[in-house]
C-alpha atoms as a PDB file:
ATOM      1  CA  MET A   1      24.114   1.963   1.252  1.00  0.00           C
ATOM      2  CA  TYR A   2      22.156   4.088   3.312  1.00  0.00           C
ATOM      3  CA  PRO A   3      18.378   4.484   3.673  1.00  0.00           C
ATOM      4  CA  PHE A   4      16.903   5.502   0.434  1.00  0.00           C
ATOM      5  CA  LYS A   5      14.073   8.021   0.107  1.00  0.00           C
ATOM      6  CA  PHE A   6      12.222   8.362  -3.408  1.00  0.00           C
ATOM      7  CA  ASN A   7      10.766  11.193  -5.125  1.00  0.00           C
ATOM      8  CA  PRO A   8       7.185  10.428  -5.078  1.00  0.00           C
ATOM      9  CA  ILE A   9       5.020   9.597  -8.276  1.00  0.00           C
ATOM     10  CA  LEU A  10       1.969  11.739  -8.177  1.00  0.00           C
ATOM     11  CA  LYS A  11      -1.015  10.316  -9.916  1.00  0.00           C
ATOM     12  CA  LYS A  12      -4.115  12.300 -10.885  1.00  0.00           C
ATOM     13  CA  ILE A  13      -7.366  10.356 -10.832  1.00  0.00           C
ATOM     14  CA  ILE A  14     -10.513  11.359 -10.948  1.00  0.00           C
ATOM     15  CA  TRP A  15     -11.369  10.563  -7.422  1.00  0.00           C
ATOM     16  CA  GLY A  16      -8.407  12.119  -6.004  1.00  0.00           C
ATOM     17  CA  GLY A  17      -8.235  15.129  -3.592  1.00  0.00           C
ATOM     18  CA  ASN A  18      -5.812  17.785  -2.189  1.00  0.00           C
ATOM     19  CA  GLU A  19      -4.679  15.824   0.946  1.00  0.00           C
ATOM     20  CA  ILE A  20      -1.474  14.223  -0.162  1.00  0.00           C
ATOM     21  CA  CYS A  21       0.140  17.296  -1.008  1.00  0.00           C
ATOM     22  CA  LYS A  22      -0.881  18.967   1.934  1.00  0.00           C
ATOM     23  CA  PHE A  23       0.384  15.530   4.042  1.00  0.00           C
ATOM     24  CA  LYS A  24       3.953  15.382   2.255  1.00  0.00           C
ATOM     25  CA  ASN A  25       4.347  19.341   2.411  1.00  0.00           C
ATOM     26  CA  LEU A  26       4.487  19.417  -1.173  1.00  0.00           C
ATOM     27  CA  PRO A  27       3.334  22.121  -3.661  1.00  0.00           C
ATOM     28  CA  GLN A  28      -0.253  21.911  -3.812  1.00  0.00           C
ATOM     29  CA  GLN A  29      -2.061  20.012  -6.819  1.00  0.00           C
ATOM     30  CA  GLU A  30      -5.742  19.280  -6.961  1.00  0.00           C
ATOM     31  CA  GLY A  31      -7.015  15.865  -7.898  1.00  0.00           C
ATOM     32  CA  ILE A  32      -3.867  13.807  -6.683  1.00  0.00           C
ATOM     33  CA  GLY A  33      -5.306  10.364  -5.863  1.00  0.00           C
ATOM     34  CA  GLU A  34      -1.874   8.476  -4.924  1.00  0.00           C
ATOM     35  CA  SER A  35       1.299   8.979  -4.157  1.00  0.00           C
ATOM     36  CA  TRP A  36       3.686   5.863  -5.536  1.00  0.00           C
ATOM     37  CA  GLU A  37       6.507   5.925  -2.602  1.00  0.00           C
ATOM     38  CA  VAL A  38       8.302   3.113  -3.866  1.00  0.00           C
ATOM     39  CA  SER A  39       7.682   1.568  -7.273  1.00  0.00           C
ATOM     40  CA  GLN A  40       9.267  -0.573  -9.855  1.00  0.00           C
ATOM     41  CA  VAL A  41       6.170  -0.700 -11.828  1.00  0.00           C
ATOM     42  CA  LYS A  42       6.579  -0.324 -15.606  1.00  0.00           C
ATOM     43  CA  GLN A  43       7.345   3.257 -16.684  1.00  0.00           C
ATOM     44  CA  ASP A  44       6.765   4.257 -12.969  1.00  0.00           C
ATOM     45  CA  ILE A  45      10.244   3.612 -11.348  1.00  0.00           C
ATOM     46  CA  SER A  46      11.328   5.277  -8.262  1.00  0.00           C
ATOM     47  CA  VAL A  47      14.214   7.503  -8.103  1.00  0.00           C
ATOM     48  CA  VAL A  48      16.401   8.408  -4.885  1.00  0.00           C
ATOM     49  CA  THR A  49      15.972  11.803  -3.715  1.00  0.00           C
ATOM     50  CA  ASP A  50      19.399  12.611  -1.937  1.00  0.00           C
ATOM     51  CA  GLY A  51      22.412  11.350  -1.133  1.00  0.00           C
ATOM     52  CA  ALA A  52      25.592   9.796  -2.813  1.00  0.00           C
ATOM     53  CA  LEU A  53      23.218   7.884  -5.047  1.00  0.00           C
ATOM     54  CA  LYS A  54      20.701  10.532  -5.835  1.00  0.00           C
ATOM     55  CA  GLY A  55      19.423  10.141  -9.259  1.00  0.00           C
ATOM     56  CA  LYS A  56      19.701   6.361  -9.263  1.00  0.00           C
ATOM     57  CA  ASN A  57      16.320   4.413  -9.873  1.00  0.00           C
ATOM     58  CA  LEU A  58      15.092   1.600  -8.105  1.00  0.00           C
ATOM     59  CA  THR A  59      15.973  -1.105 -11.057  1.00  0.00           C
ATOM     60  CA  GLU A  60      19.674   0.478 -11.086  1.00  0.00           C
ATOM     61  CA  LEU A  61      20.074  -0.045  -7.349  1.00  0.00           C
ATOM     62  CA  ILE A  62      18.935  -3.590  -7.625  1.00  0.00           C
ATOM     63  CA  ASP A  63      21.056  -4.204 -10.208  1.00  0.00           C
ATOM     64  CA  GLU A  64      24.182  -3.104  -8.423  1.00  0.00           C
ATOM     65  CA  PHE A  65      23.314  -4.216  -5.027  1.00  0.00           C
ATOM     66  CA  GLY A  66      20.942  -7.320  -5.598  1.00  0.00           C
ATOM     67  CA  ALA A  67      20.832  -9.138  -2.328  1.00  0.00           C
ATOM     68  CA  GLN A  68      22.562  -6.456  -0.303  1.00  0.00           C
ATOM     69  CA  LEU A  69      19.628  -4.075  -0.940  1.00  0.00           C
ATOM     70  CA  LEU A  70      16.783  -6.916  -1.011  1.00  0.00           C
ATOM     71  CA  GLY A  71      17.930  -9.620   0.997  1.00  0.00           C
ATOM     72  CA  LYS A  72      19.199 -13.152  -0.216  1.00  0.00           C
ATOM     73  CA  HIS A  73      15.988 -14.601   0.227  1.00  0.00           C
ATOM     74  CA  VAL A  74      14.016 -11.883  -1.298  1.00  0.00           C
ATOM     75  CA  VAL A  75      16.362 -12.389  -4.366  1.00  0.00           C
ATOM     76  CA  GLU A  76      15.636 -15.948  -4.554  1.00  0.00           C
ATOM     77  CA  GLN A  77      11.705 -15.772  -4.445  1.00  0.00           C
ATOM     78  CA  PHE A  78      11.613 -12.807  -6.691  1.00  0.00           C
ATOM     79  CA  GLY A  79      14.939 -12.287  -8.775  1.00  0.00           C
ATOM     80  CA  ASN A  80      15.802  -8.488  -9.745  1.00  0.00           C
ATOM     81  CA  LYS A  81      11.960  -7.391  -9.158  1.00  0.00           C
ATOM     82  CA  PHE A  82      10.969  -5.133  -6.349  1.00  0.00           C
ATOM     83  CA  PRO A  83       8.375  -7.212  -4.842  1.00  0.00           C
ATOM     84  CA  LEU A  84       6.076  -4.458  -3.172  1.00  0.00           C
ATOM     85  CA  LEU A  85       4.313  -1.076  -4.204  1.00  0.00           C
ATOM     86  CA  ILE A  86       4.110   1.011  -1.508  1.00  0.00           C
ATOM     87  CA  LYS A  87       1.312   4.270  -1.694  1.00  0.00           C
ATOM     88  CA  PHE A  88      -0.467   7.067  -0.126  1.00  0.00           C
ATOM     89  CA  ILE A  89      -3.964   7.115  -1.169  1.00  0.00           C
ATOM     90  CA  ASP A  90      -6.529   9.976  -1.170  1.00  0.00           C
ATOM     91  CA  ALA A  91     -10.034   9.264  -1.999  1.00  0.00           C
ATOM     92  CA  ARG A  92     -12.209  12.629  -2.215  1.00  0.00           C
ATOM     93  CA  ASP A  93     -14.824  10.792  -3.974  1.00  0.00           C
ATOM     94  CA  ASN A  94     -15.748   6.859  -3.823  1.00  0.00           C
ATOM     95  CA  LEU A  95     -13.230   4.397  -5.776  1.00  0.00           C
ATOM     96  CA  SER A  96     -14.544   1.949  -8.156  1.00  0.00           C
ATOM     97  CA  ILE A  97     -15.673  -1.203  -6.605  1.00  0.00           C
ATOM     98  CA  GLN A  98     -12.902  -3.772  -7.675  1.00  0.00           C
ATOM     99  CA  VAL A  99     -10.946  -7.086  -7.186  1.00  0.00           C
ATOM    100  CA  HIS A 100      -7.416  -7.982  -7.995  1.00  0.00           C
ATOM    101  CA  PRO A 101      -6.425 -11.594  -9.349  1.00  0.00           C
ATOM    102  CA  ASN A 102      -4.232 -14.172  -7.213  1.00  0.00           C
ATOM    103  CA  ASP A 103      -0.683 -15.015  -8.642  1.00  0.00           C
ATOM    104  CA  GLU A 104      -1.625 -17.963 -10.728  1.00  0.00           C
ATOM    105  CA  LEU A 105      -4.274 -15.974 -12.261  1.00  0.00           C
ATOM    106  CA  ALA A 106      -2.257 -12.846 -12.998  1.00  0.00           C
ATOM    107  CA  LYS A 107       0.689 -15.123 -14.325  1.00  0.00           C
ATOM    108  CA  GLU A 108      -1.601 -17.015 -16.963  1.00  0.00           C
ATOM    109  CA  ARG A 109      -3.384 -13.960 -17.921  1.00  0.00           C
ATOM    110  CA  HIS A 110      -0.858 -11.110 -17.572  1.00  0.00           C
ATOM    111  CA  GLN A 111       2.386 -12.314 -17.110  1.00  0.00           C
ATOM    112  CA  SER A 112       2.267 -10.202 -13.672  1.00  0.00           C
ATOM    113  CA  PHE A 113       2.211 -10.992  -9.881  1.00  0.00           C
ATOM    114  CA  GLY A 114      -1.377 -10.892  -8.207  1.00  0.00           C
ATOM    115  CA  LYS A 115      -2.443  -8.137  -5.991  1.00  0.00           C
ATOM    116  CA  THR A 116      -2.504  -9.004  -2.370  1.00  0.00           C
ATOM    117  CA  GLU A 117      -2.650  -5.581  -0.152  1.00  0.00           C
ATOM    118  CA  MET A 118      -2.987  -3.683   2.924  1.00  0.00           C
ATOM    119  CA  TRP A 119      -4.668  -0.761   4.443  1.00  0.00           C
ATOM    120  CA  TYR A 120      -3.574   1.618   7.170  1.00  0.00           C
ATOM    121  CA  VAL A 121      -6.366   4.435   7.699  1.00  0.00           C
ATOM    122  CA  ILE A 122      -4.662   7.485   8.384  1.00  0.00           C
ATOM    123  CA  SER A 123      -7.603   9.884   8.550  1.00  0.00           C
ATOM    124  CA  ALA A 124     -11.417   9.481   7.623  1.00  0.00           C
ATOM    125  CA  GLN A 125     -13.980  12.153   7.668  1.00  0.00           C
ATOM    126  CA  ASP A 126     -16.996  11.463   9.998  1.00  0.00           C
ATOM    127  CA  GLY A 127     -19.606   8.732   8.306  1.00  0.00           C
ATOM    128  CA  ALA A 128     -16.753   7.627   5.917  1.00  0.00           C
ATOM    129  CA  GLY A 129     -16.412   4.043   5.208  1.00  0.00           C
ATOM    130  CA  LEU A 130     -15.069   1.447   2.961  1.00  0.00           C
ATOM    131  CA  TYR A 131     -16.029  -2.077   1.219  1.00  0.00           C
ATOM    132  CA  SER A 132     -14.362  -5.284   2.164  1.00  0.00           C
ATOM    133  CA  GLY A 133     -15.672  -8.595   1.171  1.00  0.00           C
ATOM    134  CA  PHE A 134     -19.544  -9.825   0.902  1.00  0.00           C
ATOM    135  CA  SER A 135     -22.101  -9.518   3.470  1.00  0.00           C
ATOM    136  CA  GLN A 136     -23.924 -12.485   1.950  1.00  0.00           C
ATOM    137  CA  GLN A 137     -23.458 -15.590   0.201  1.00  0.00           C
ATOM    138  CA  ILE A 138     -23.568 -15.065  -3.798  1.00  0.00           C
ATOM    139  CA  THR A 139     -22.746 -17.229  -6.784  1.00  0.00           C
ATOM    140  CA  PRO A 140     -20.582 -16.475 -10.076  1.00  0.00           C
ATOM    141  CA  GLU A 141     -23.934 -16.518 -11.773  1.00  0.00           C
ATOM    142  CA  GLU A 142     -25.847 -14.246  -9.389  1.00  0.00           C
ATOM    143  CA  TYR A 143     -22.595 -11.875  -9.338  1.00  0.00           C
ATOM    144  CA  VAL A 144     -22.967 -11.267 -12.874  1.00  0.00           C
ATOM    145  CA  LYS A 145     -26.622 -10.757 -12.801  1.00  0.00           C
ATOM    146  CA  ARG A 146     -26.465  -7.886  -9.906  1.00  0.00           C
ATOM    147  CA  VAL A 147     -23.404  -6.178 -11.799  1.00  0.00           C
ATOM    148  CA  GLU A 148     -26.083  -6.199 -14.884  1.00  0.00           C
ATOM    149  CA  ASP A 149     -28.940  -4.684 -12.801  1.00  0.00           C
ATOM    150  CA  ASN A 150     -27.011  -2.261 -10.645  1.00  0.00           C
ATOM    151  CA  THR A 151     -27.729  -4.300  -7.074  1.00  0.00           C
ATOM    152  CA  PHE A 152     -24.075  -5.584  -6.392  1.00  0.00           C
ATOM    153  CA  MET A 153     -23.649  -3.092  -3.742  1.00  0.00           C
ATOM    154  CA  ASP A 154     -26.511  -4.524  -2.024  1.00  0.00           C
ATOM    155  CA  VAL A 155     -24.228  -7.666  -1.408  1.00  0.00           C
ATOM    156  CA  LEU A 156     -21.165  -6.262  -0.120  1.00  0.00           C
ATOM    157  CA  GLN A 157     -19.956  -5.399   3.344  1.00  0.00           C
ATOM    158  CA  PHE A 158     -19.573  -1.719   4.224  1.00  0.00           C
ATOM    159  CA  HIS A 159     -17.313  -0.809   7.141  1.00  0.00           C
ATOM    160  CA  PRO A 160     -17.043   2.803   8.713  1.00  0.00           C
ATOM    161  CA  VAL A 161     -13.705   3.319   9.605  1.00  0.00           C
ATOM    162  CA  LYS A 162     -11.469   5.766  11.604  1.00  0.00           C
ATOM    163  CA  ALA A 163      -7.735   6.645  11.999  1.00  0.00           C
ATOM    164  CA  GLY A 164      -5.681   3.629  12.773  1.00  0.00           C
ATOM    165  CA  ASP A 165      -8.230   0.902  11.221  1.00  0.00           C
ATOM    166  CA  VAL A 166      -6.327  -1.646   9.178  1.00  0.00           C
ATOM    167  CA  PHE A 167      -7.510  -4.108   6.529  1.00  0.00           C
ATOM    168  CA  PHE A 168      -6.131  -7.125   4.862  1.00  0.00           C
ATOM    169  CA  LEU A 169      -7.100  -7.694   1.160  1.00  0.00           C
ATOM    170  CA  PRO A 170      -6.137 -11.062   0.235  1.00  0.00           C
ATOM    171  CA  ALA A 171      -6.139 -11.225  -3.758  1.00  0.00           C
ATOM    172  CA  GLY A 172      -9.694 -12.088  -4.760  1.00  0.00           C
ATOM    173  CA  ARG A 173     -11.323  -9.938  -2.108  1.00  0.00           C
ATOM    174  CA  VAL A 174     -13.660  -7.570  -3.669  1.00  0.00           C
ATOM    175  CA  HIS A 175     -13.202  -3.937  -2.006  1.00  0.00           C
ATOM    176  CA  ALA A 176     -13.305   0.001  -2.453  1.00  0.00           C
ATOM    177  CA  ILE A 177     -12.101   2.781  -0.627  1.00  0.00           C
ATOM    178  CA  GLY A 178     -14.871   5.385   0.153  1.00  0.00           C
ATOM    179  CA  LYS A 179     -14.738   9.143  -0.056  1.00  0.00           C
ATOM    180  CA  GLY A 180     -13.152  11.129   2.696  1.00  0.00           C
ATOM    181  CA  ILE A 181     -10.704   8.373   3.509  1.00  0.00           C
ATOM    182  CA  PHE A 182      -6.688   9.005   3.550  1.00  0.00           C
ATOM    183  CA  ILE A 183      -4.895   5.841   3.591  1.00  0.00           C
ATOM    184  CA  ALA A 184      -1.408   4.198   3.184  1.00  0.00           C
ATOM    185  CA  GLU A 185      -1.321   0.972   1.070  1.00  0.00           C
ATOM    186  CA  ILE A 186       1.154  -1.995   1.072  1.00  0.00           C
ATOM    187  CA  GLN A 187       0.592  -4.257  -1.811  1.00  0.00           C
ATOM    188  CA  GLN A 188       2.198  -6.772  -4.258  1.00  0.00           C
ATOM    189  CA  THR A 189       3.875  -5.330  -7.130  1.00  0.00           C
ATOM    190  CA  SER A 190       1.281  -5.356  -9.609  1.00  0.00           C
ATOM    191  CA  ASP A 191      -1.398  -2.777 -11.518  1.00  0.00           C
ATOM    192  CA  ILE A 192      -3.441  -5.308 -12.398  1.00  0.00           C
ATOM    193  CA  THR A 193      -7.093  -4.357 -11.106  1.00  0.00           C
ATOM    194  CA  TYR A 194     -10.644  -5.601 -12.604  1.00  0.00           C
ATOM    195  CA  ARG A 195     -12.996  -2.801 -11.923  1.00  0.00           C
ATOM    196  CA  ILE A 196     -16.649  -4.340 -11.332  1.00  0.00           C
ATOM    197  CA  TYR A 197     -18.599  -0.959 -10.822  1.00  0.00           C
ATOM    198  CA  ASP A 198     -17.967   2.735 -10.803  1.00  0.00           C
ATOM    199  CA  TYR A 199     -21.215   4.348  -9.922  1.00  0.00           C
ATOM    200  CA  ASN A 200     -21.982   5.171 -13.735  1.00  0.00           C
ATOM    201  CA  ARG A 201     -19.638   7.744 -13.439  1.00  0.00           C
ATOM    202  CA  LYS A 202     -18.509   9.745 -16.748  1.00  0.00           C
ATOM    203  CA  ASP A 203     -15.107  11.262 -17.852  1.00  0.00           C
ATOM    204  CA  ALA A 204     -14.718  14.836 -19.391  1.00  0.00           C
ATOM    205  CA  ASN A 205     -15.955  13.399 -22.797  1.00  0.00           C
ATOM    206  CA  GLY A 206     -18.994  11.778 -21.288  1.00  0.00           C
ATOM    207  CA  LYS A 207     -17.373   8.037 -21.350  1.00  0.00           C
ATOM    208  CA  GLY A 208     -17.579   5.827 -18.511  1.00  0.00           C
ATOM    209  CA  ARG A 209     -14.529   3.745 -17.414  1.00  0.00           C
ATOM    210  CA  GLU A 210     -13.867   0.351 -18.648  1.00  0.00           C
ATOM    211  CA  LEU A 211     -15.568  -2.566 -16.609  1.00  0.00           C
ATOM    212  CA  HIS A 212     -13.968  -5.992 -16.475  1.00  0.00           C
ATOM    213  CA  THR A 213     -17.219  -8.125 -15.317  1.00  0.00           C
ATOM    214  CA  GLU A 214     -16.204 -11.176 -16.989  1.00  0.00           C
ATOM    215  CA  LEU A 215     -12.487 -11.261 -16.052  1.00  0.00           C
ATOM    216  CA  ALA A 216     -13.484 -10.336 -12.634  1.00  0.00           C
ATOM    217  CA  LYS A 217     -16.190 -13.310 -12.403  1.00  0.00           C
ATOM    218  CA  ASP A 218     -13.062 -15.737 -12.026  1.00  0.00           C
ATOM    219  CA  ALA A 219     -10.963 -13.916  -9.924  1.00  0.00           C
ATOM    220  CA  ILE A 220     -13.269 -13.319  -7.099  1.00  0.00           C
ATOM    221  CA  ASP A 221     -13.264 -15.125  -3.603  1.00  0.00           C
ATOM    222  CA  TYR A 222     -16.963 -15.694  -2.872  1.00  0.00           C
ATOM    223  CA  THR A 223     -16.143 -16.629   0.334  1.00  0.00           C
ATOM    224  CA  VAL A 224     -17.994 -15.026   3.490  1.00  0.00           C
ATOM    225  CA  HIS A 225     -16.220 -13.906   6.414  1.00  0.00           C
ATOM    226  CA  SER A 226     -17.873 -13.241   9.871  1.00  0.00           C
ATOM    227  CA  ASP A 227     -15.018 -10.139  10.154  1.00  0.00           C
ATOM    228  CA  TYR A 228     -12.752  -8.406   7.568  1.00  0.00           C
ATOM    229  CA  LYS A 229     -11.359  -5.615   9.776  1.00  0.00           C
ATOM    230  CA  THR A 230      -7.894  -6.749  11.073  1.00  0.00           C
ATOM    231  CA  PRO A 231      -7.615  -6.619  14.818  1.00  0.00           C
ATOM    232  CA  TYR A 232      -4.353  -5.446  17.131  1.00  0.00           C
ATOM    233  CA  GLN A 233      -3.481  -4.514  20.735  1.00  0.00           C
ATOM    234  CA  LEU A 234      -1.225  -0.976  20.209  1.00  0.00           C
ATOM    235  CA  LYS A 235       1.862  -1.472  22.263  1.00  0.00           C
ATOM    236  CA  LYS A 236       3.656   2.195  22.799  1.00  0.00           C
ATOM    237  CA  ASP A 237       7.302   2.527  22.065  1.00  0.00           C
ATOM    238  CA  ALA A 238       7.633  -1.286  21.000  1.00  0.00           C
ATOM    239  CA  GLU A 239       6.411  -3.248  17.674  1.00  0.00           C
ATOM    240  CA  THR A 240       2.571  -3.783  17.431  1.00  0.00           C
ATOM    241  CA  PRO A 241       2.100  -6.485  14.846  1.00  0.00           C
ATOM    242  CA  LEU A 242      -0.698  -5.899  12.130  1.00  0.00           C
ATOM    243  CA  VAL A 243      -0.477  -8.298   9.386  1.00  0.00           C
ATOM    244  CA  SER A 244       1.996 -11.118   8.529  1.00  0.00           C
ATOM    245  CA  CYS A 245       1.460 -13.105   5.102  1.00  0.00           C
ATOM    246  CA  LYS A 246       4.014 -14.373   2.708  1.00  0.00           C
ATOM    247  CA  TYR A 247       4.128 -11.400   0.650  1.00  0.00           C
ATOM    248  CA  PHE A 248       4.744  -9.176   3.463  1.00  0.00           C
ATOM    249  CA  THR A 249       5.107  -8.445   7.453  1.00  0.00           C
ATOM    250  CA  THR A 250       4.012  -5.073   8.407  1.00  0.00           C
ATOM    251  CA  ASN A 251       4.369  -3.757  12.187  1.00  0.00           C
ATOM    252  CA  LEU A 252       3.155  -0.131  14.020  1.00  0.00           C
ATOM    253  CA  LEU A 253       5.670   1.549  15.568  1.00  0.00           C
ATOM    254  CA  ASP A 254       4.147   4.253  17.789  1.00  0.00           C
ATOM    255  CA  LEU A 255       7.074   5.982  19.647  1.00  0.00           C
ATOM    256  CA  ASN A 256       7.639   8.385  22.084  1.00  0.00           C
ATOM    257  CA  GLN A 257      11.012   6.773  22.854  1.00  0.00           C
ATOM    258  CA  PRO A 258      14.149   5.632  21.047  1.00  0.00           C
ATOM    259  CA  LEU A 259      13.666   2.236  19.498  1.00  0.00           C
ATOM    260  CA  LYS A 260      16.331   0.329  17.790  1.00  0.00           C
ATOM    261  CA  ARG A 261      15.300  -1.968  15.180  1.00  0.00           C
ATOM    262  CA  GLU A 262      17.556  -4.961  13.841  1.00  0.00           C
ATOM    263  CA  ILE A 263      17.425  -5.216  10.114  1.00  0.00           C
ATOM    264  CA  ALA A 264      19.980  -7.807   8.848  1.00  0.00           C
ATOM    265  CA  LYS A 265      18.607 -10.443  10.697  1.00  0.00           C
ATOM    266  CA  ASN A 266      15.277 -10.265   8.567  1.00  0.00           C
ATOM    267  CA  ASP A 267      17.365 -10.799   5.541  1.00  0.00           C
ATOM    268  CA  SER A 268      15.157  -8.693   3.955  1.00  0.00           C
ATOM    269  CA  PHE A 269      15.038  -4.636   3.169  1.00  0.00           C
ATOM    270  CA  SER A 270      12.400  -2.861   5.542  1.00  0.00           C
ATOM    271  CA  ILE A 271      10.138  -0.016   4.437  1.00  0.00           C
ATOM    272  CA  LEU A 272       9.220   2.710   6.949  1.00  0.00           C
ATOM    273  CA  MET A 273       6.204   5.099   5.946  1.00  0.00           C
ATOM    274  CA  CYS A 274       5.567   8.056   8.492  1.00  0.00           C
ATOM    275  CA  MET A 275       1.931   8.407   9.467  1.00  0.00           C
ATOM    276  CA  GLU A 276       2.493  11.522  11.893  1.00  0.00           C
ATOM    277  CA  GLY A 277       5.339  13.085  13.710  1.00  0.00           C
ATOM    278  CA  ASN A 278       8.912  13.158  13.199  1.00  0.00           C
ATOM    279  CA  ALA A 279      12.386  11.692  14.182  1.00  0.00           C
ATOM    280  CA  ILE A 280      16.239  11.223  13.515  1.00  0.00           C
ATOM    281  CA  LEU A 281      16.882   7.942  11.786  1.00  0.00           C
ATOM    282  CA  THR A 282      20.321   6.482  12.617  1.00  0.00           C
ATOM    283  CA  ASP A 283      21.858   3.121  10.988  1.00  0.00           C
ATOM    284  CA  ASN A 284      25.053   1.154  12.185  1.00  0.00           C
ATOM    285  CA  ASN A 285      27.132   3.085   9.750  1.00  0.00           C
ATOM    286  CA  GLY A 286      26.486   6.614  11.429  1.00  0.00           C
ATOM    287  CA  TYR A 287      24.218   7.905   8.861  1.00  0.00           C
ATOM    288  CA  LYS A 288      21.635  10.212  10.038  1.00  0.00           C
ATOM    289  CA  THR A 289      18.568  11.740   8.523  1.00  0.00           C
ATOM    290  CA  GLU A 290      15.194  13.042   9.468  1.00  0.00           C
ATOM    291  CA  ILE A 291      12.094  11.254   8.819  1.00  0.00           C
ATOM    292  CA  LYS A 292       8.786  13.183   9.174  1.00  0.00           C
ATOM    293  CA  GLN A 293       5.329  12.692   8.242  1.00  0.00           C
ATOM    294  CA  GLY A 294       4.698  11.774   4.455  1.00  0.00           C
ATOM    295  CA  ASP A 295       8.237  10.214   4.091  1.00  0.00           C
ATOM    296  CA  THR A 296       8.952   6.976   2.808  1.00  0.00           C
ATOM    297  CA  PHE A 297      12.465   5.249   3.421  1.00  0.00           C
ATOM    298  CA  LEU A 298      13.794   2.147   2.083  1.00  0.00           C
ATOM    299  CA  VAL A 299      16.319   0.426   4.320  1.00  0.00           C
ATOM    300  CA  PRO A 300      18.933  -1.735   2.539  1.00  0.00           C
ATOM    301  CA  ALA A 301      18.901  -5.508   3.730  1.00  0.00           C
ATOM    302  CA  ASN A 302      22.451  -5.508   4.905  1.00  0.00           C
ATOM    303  CA  THR A 303      21.812  -2.626   7.139  1.00  0.00           C
ATOM    304  CA  GLU A 304      22.698  -3.898  10.618  1.00  0.00           C
ATOM    305  CA  TRP A 305      20.340  -1.923  12.526  1.00  0.00           C
ATOM    306  CA  ILE A 306      18.597   1.497  12.849  1.00  0.00           C
ATOM    307  CA  GLU A 307      17.311   3.449  15.518  1.00  0.00           C
ATOM    308  CA  ILE A 308      14.717   5.669  15.536  1.00  0.00           C
ATOM    309  CA  THR A 309      14.702   8.659  17.965  1.00  0.00           C
ATOM    310  CA  PRO A 310      11.734  10.639  18.250  1.00  0.00           C
ATOM    311  CA  THR A 311      11.725  14.612  18.363  1.00  0.00           C
ATOM    312  CA  ASN A 312       8.753  14.425  20.379  1.00  0.00           C
ATOM    313  CA  SER A 313       6.569  11.443  19.028  1.00  0.00           C
ATOM    314  CA  ILE A 314       6.417   9.184  15.674  1.00  0.00           C
ATOM    315  CA  LYS A 315       3.914   6.991  14.129  1.00  0.00           C
ATOM    316  CA  LEU A 316       5.425   4.563  11.591  1.00  0.00           C
ATOM    317  CA  VAL A 317       4.383   1.469   9.331  1.00  0.00           C
ATOM    318  CA  GLU A 318       7.260  -0.812   8.920  1.00  0.00           C
ATOM    319  CA  SER A 319       7.142  -3.426   6.102  1.00  0.00           C
ATOM    320  CA  TYR A 320       9.451  -6.314   5.219  1.00  0.00           C
ATOM    321  CA  ILE A 321       9.324  -9.896   3.960  1.00  0.00           C
ATOM    322  CA  VAL A 322       9.909 -12.870   5.975  1.00  0.00           C
END
């Protein structure tokens, strides 16, 4: 095996823009809200772009290589399911206010994983921001009333954002990306979303999107926190820890110098998402490939090490499962 790159799965969405195709150097399309970079969700299964295994999809890779690809402890925990869904998201307009169920509720209702996720802000227009968590304490009953009378936004915490900001969103936290924000998202493999509020938008047929007020009521974590943004201290040419939870560990690699990463010791696949710049990616088997802005690679768990050699500089978000 070798580091795998997959064909992007591009999603046209009502709030999508035109940044993803520019960022990934693809033929321009309008209204692309998401690029699913690594996915094993239902009918959206990633297909290898190049190399000896070109044309194989992620399910076929897992069936053939199992723990060699995923890591022994990952297989023990998740079986033949790829546990993460990796995306780029471009919000030309505000996304709906939403929440995701935790593992227990998602399994009970949907036979699915829950959805804990994180965002890394790649770019943001002046004045752009997002919603994460509550600004004041409310009850489930008050939540329903506020949704009905269109005052739910009044109790949400708004966060102005800039490039490099990080937000961790455990299942149950109410959230929404605001317009003018371009992000990388790492999340559990789940497509279960409870939409709470959608700004009364109508589609081309004059219909509003479905809301899930009652389903969301039991899924919401009503706890109020003092701060919802994830702090970190940048370390140049080294690993900068961002988020560590039972579903994923993520680091920022902001490099001007070559950096070697031990892979096999984690007993987990590793995901590399390139936020800017470019580099040569080399593994212990002598495989070499370029990684550049907009690329996402899946490094197999049995890879002993990789070395990232920047052309000038490169910024990567790295994810794996501990």
